[in-house]
Structure formats: structure tokens, C-alpha cells
Amino acid sequence: MSYRMIAERDNEKVKVERQSSLVIVAKARVFASAGWQVVITDEEGKSYAPAEFDRLLAA
């Protein structure tokens, strides 16, 4: 399964795609802790906000 992270802050946007939920969640948490607005989207198109990242790790 593929996961896509989009992080936005001011006029910047970062997009990352990874196969591992563990890696994408770790990267997303780093961005979120630095003040970025972060969303992870799974292969089915479901989006996860930072408060829901643990659900990706349980899958």
C-alpha cells in the first residue's frame, strides 16, 4: 500500500510518497511538530490528520 503526505506552511508545499506507514507517519510527525499543516492520504484516498496518525500504524 502506498501513502502520500502533503505538508504546507506559508507558501511552501512538500509532497512525499512512501510504501511504509511507519516511515510516512514518522516524517509527518516531524513536519507537524515544526508547525506545518500535514495530511496523509492512503491508497484508497482516505485522509488522516495528525490526531489520526496512530490509526495508520495499527493497520
C-alpha atoms as a PDB file:
ATOM      1  CA  MET A   1       0.000   0.000   0.000  1.00  0.00           C
ATOM      2  CA  SER A   2       1.202   3.500  -0.786  1.00  0.00           C
ATOM      3  CA  TYR A   3       0.871   6.548   1.454  1.00  0.00           C
ATOM      4  CA  ARG A   4       1.139  10.194   0.422  1.00  0.00           C
ATOM      5  CA  MET A   5       1.980  13.048   2.792  1.00  0.00           C
ATOM      6  CA  ILE A   6       1.351  16.680   1.980  1.00  0.00           C
ATOM      7  CA  ALA A   7       2.770  19.314   4.301  1.00  0.00           C
ATOM      8  CA  GLU A   8       2.022  23.019   3.837  1.00  0.00           C
ATOM      9  CA  ARG A   9       3.303  26.146   5.554  1.00  0.00           C
ATOM     10  CA  ASP A  10       3.156  29.709   4.295  1.00  0.00           C
ATOM     11  CA  ASN A  11       3.932  29.486   0.560  1.00  0.00           C
ATOM     12  CA  GLU A  12       5.706  26.130   0.813  1.00  0.00           C
ATOM     13  CA  LYS A  13       4.384  22.677  -0.016  1.00  0.00           C
ATOM     14  CA  VAL A  14       6.142  19.342   0.414  1.00  0.00           C
ATOM     15  CA  LYS A  15       4.847  16.077  -1.055  1.00  0.00           C
ATOM     16  CA  VAL A  16       6.251  12.685  -0.053  1.00  0.00           C
ATOM     17  CA  GLU A  17       5.144   9.188  -1.052  1.00  0.00           C
ATOM     18  CA  ARG A  18       6.198   6.037   0.800  1.00  0.00           C
ATOM     19  CA  GLN A  19       5.172   2.394   0.971  1.00  0.00           C
ATOM     20  CA  SER A  20       5.654   2.150   4.740  1.00  0.00           C
ATOM     21  CA  SER A  21       3.057   3.630   7.090  1.00  0.00           C
ATOM     22  CA  LEU A  22       5.711   3.768   9.830  1.00  0.00           C
ATOM     23  CA  VAL A  23       8.069   5.901   7.714  1.00  0.00           C
ATOM     24  CA  ILE A  24       5.374   8.260   6.425  1.00  0.00           C
ATOM     25  CA  VAL A  25       3.921   8.783   9.920  1.00  0.00           C
ATOM     26  CA  ALA A  26       7.375   9.500  11.368  1.00  0.00           C
ATOM     27  CA  LYS A  27       8.099  12.043   8.627  1.00  0.00           C
ATOM     28  CA  ALA A  28       4.661  13.640   9.003  1.00  0.00           C
ATOM     29  CA  ARG A  29       5.100  13.990  12.771  1.00  0.00           C
ATOM     30  CA  VAL A  30       8.415  15.785  12.257  1.00  0.00           C
ATOM     31  CA  PHE A  31       6.779  18.262   9.881  1.00  0.00           C
ATOM     32  CA  ALA A  32       3.753  18.737  12.171  1.00  0.00           C
ATOM     33  CA  SER A  33       5.995  19.418  15.171  1.00  0.00           C
ATOM     34  CA  ALA A  34       7.730  22.136  13.132  1.00  0.00           C
ATOM     35  CA  GLY A  35       4.435  23.934  12.538  1.00  0.00           C
ATOM     36  CA  TRP A  36       3.442  22.534   9.152  1.00  0.00           C
ATOM     37  CA  GLN A  37      -0.151  21.591   8.281  1.00  0.00           C
ATOM     38  CA  VAL A  38       0.132  17.889   7.469  1.00  0.00           C
ATOM     39  CA  VAL A  39      -2.235  15.346   5.920  1.00  0.00           C
ATOM     40  CA  ILE A  40      -1.546  11.729   4.990  1.00  0.00           C
ATOM     41  CA  THR A  41      -3.628  10.067   2.285  1.00  0.00           C
ATOM     42  CA  ASP A  42      -3.755   6.319   1.814  1.00  0.00           C
ATOM     43  CA  GLU A  43      -4.111   4.389  -1.441  1.00  0.00           C
ATOM     44  CA  GLU A  44      -7.907   4.415  -1.129  1.00  0.00           C
ATOM     45  CA  GLY A  45      -7.991   8.219  -0.865  1.00  0.00           C
ATOM     46  CA  LYS A  46      -8.792   8.403   2.853  1.00  0.00           C
ATOM     47  CA  SER A  47      -7.097  11.357   4.555  1.00  0.00           C
ATOM     48  CA  TYR A  48      -5.616  11.364   8.053  1.00  0.00           C
ATOM     49  CA  ALA A  49      -4.889  14.447  10.164  1.00  0.00           C
ATOM     50  CA  PRO A  50      -2.121  14.345  12.824  1.00  0.00           C
ATOM     51  CA  ALA A  51      -4.587  13.266  15.533  1.00  0.00           C
ATOM     52  CA  GLU A  52      -5.382  10.161  13.435  1.00  0.00           C
ATOM     53  CA  PHE A  53      -1.826   9.060  12.563  1.00  0.00           C
ATOM     54  CA  ASP A  54      -1.876   6.244  15.149  1.00  0.00           C
ATOM     55  CA  ARG A  55      -4.709   4.606  13.185  1.00  0.00           C
ATOM     56  CA  LEU A  56      -2.331   4.191  10.231  1.00  0.00           C
ATOM     57  CA  LEU A  57       0.188   2.380  12.414  1.00  0.00           C
ATOM     58  CA  ALA A  58      -2.458  -0.048  13.685  1.00  0.00           C
ATOM     59  CA  ALA A  59      -3.406  -1.060  10.133  1.00  0.00           C
END
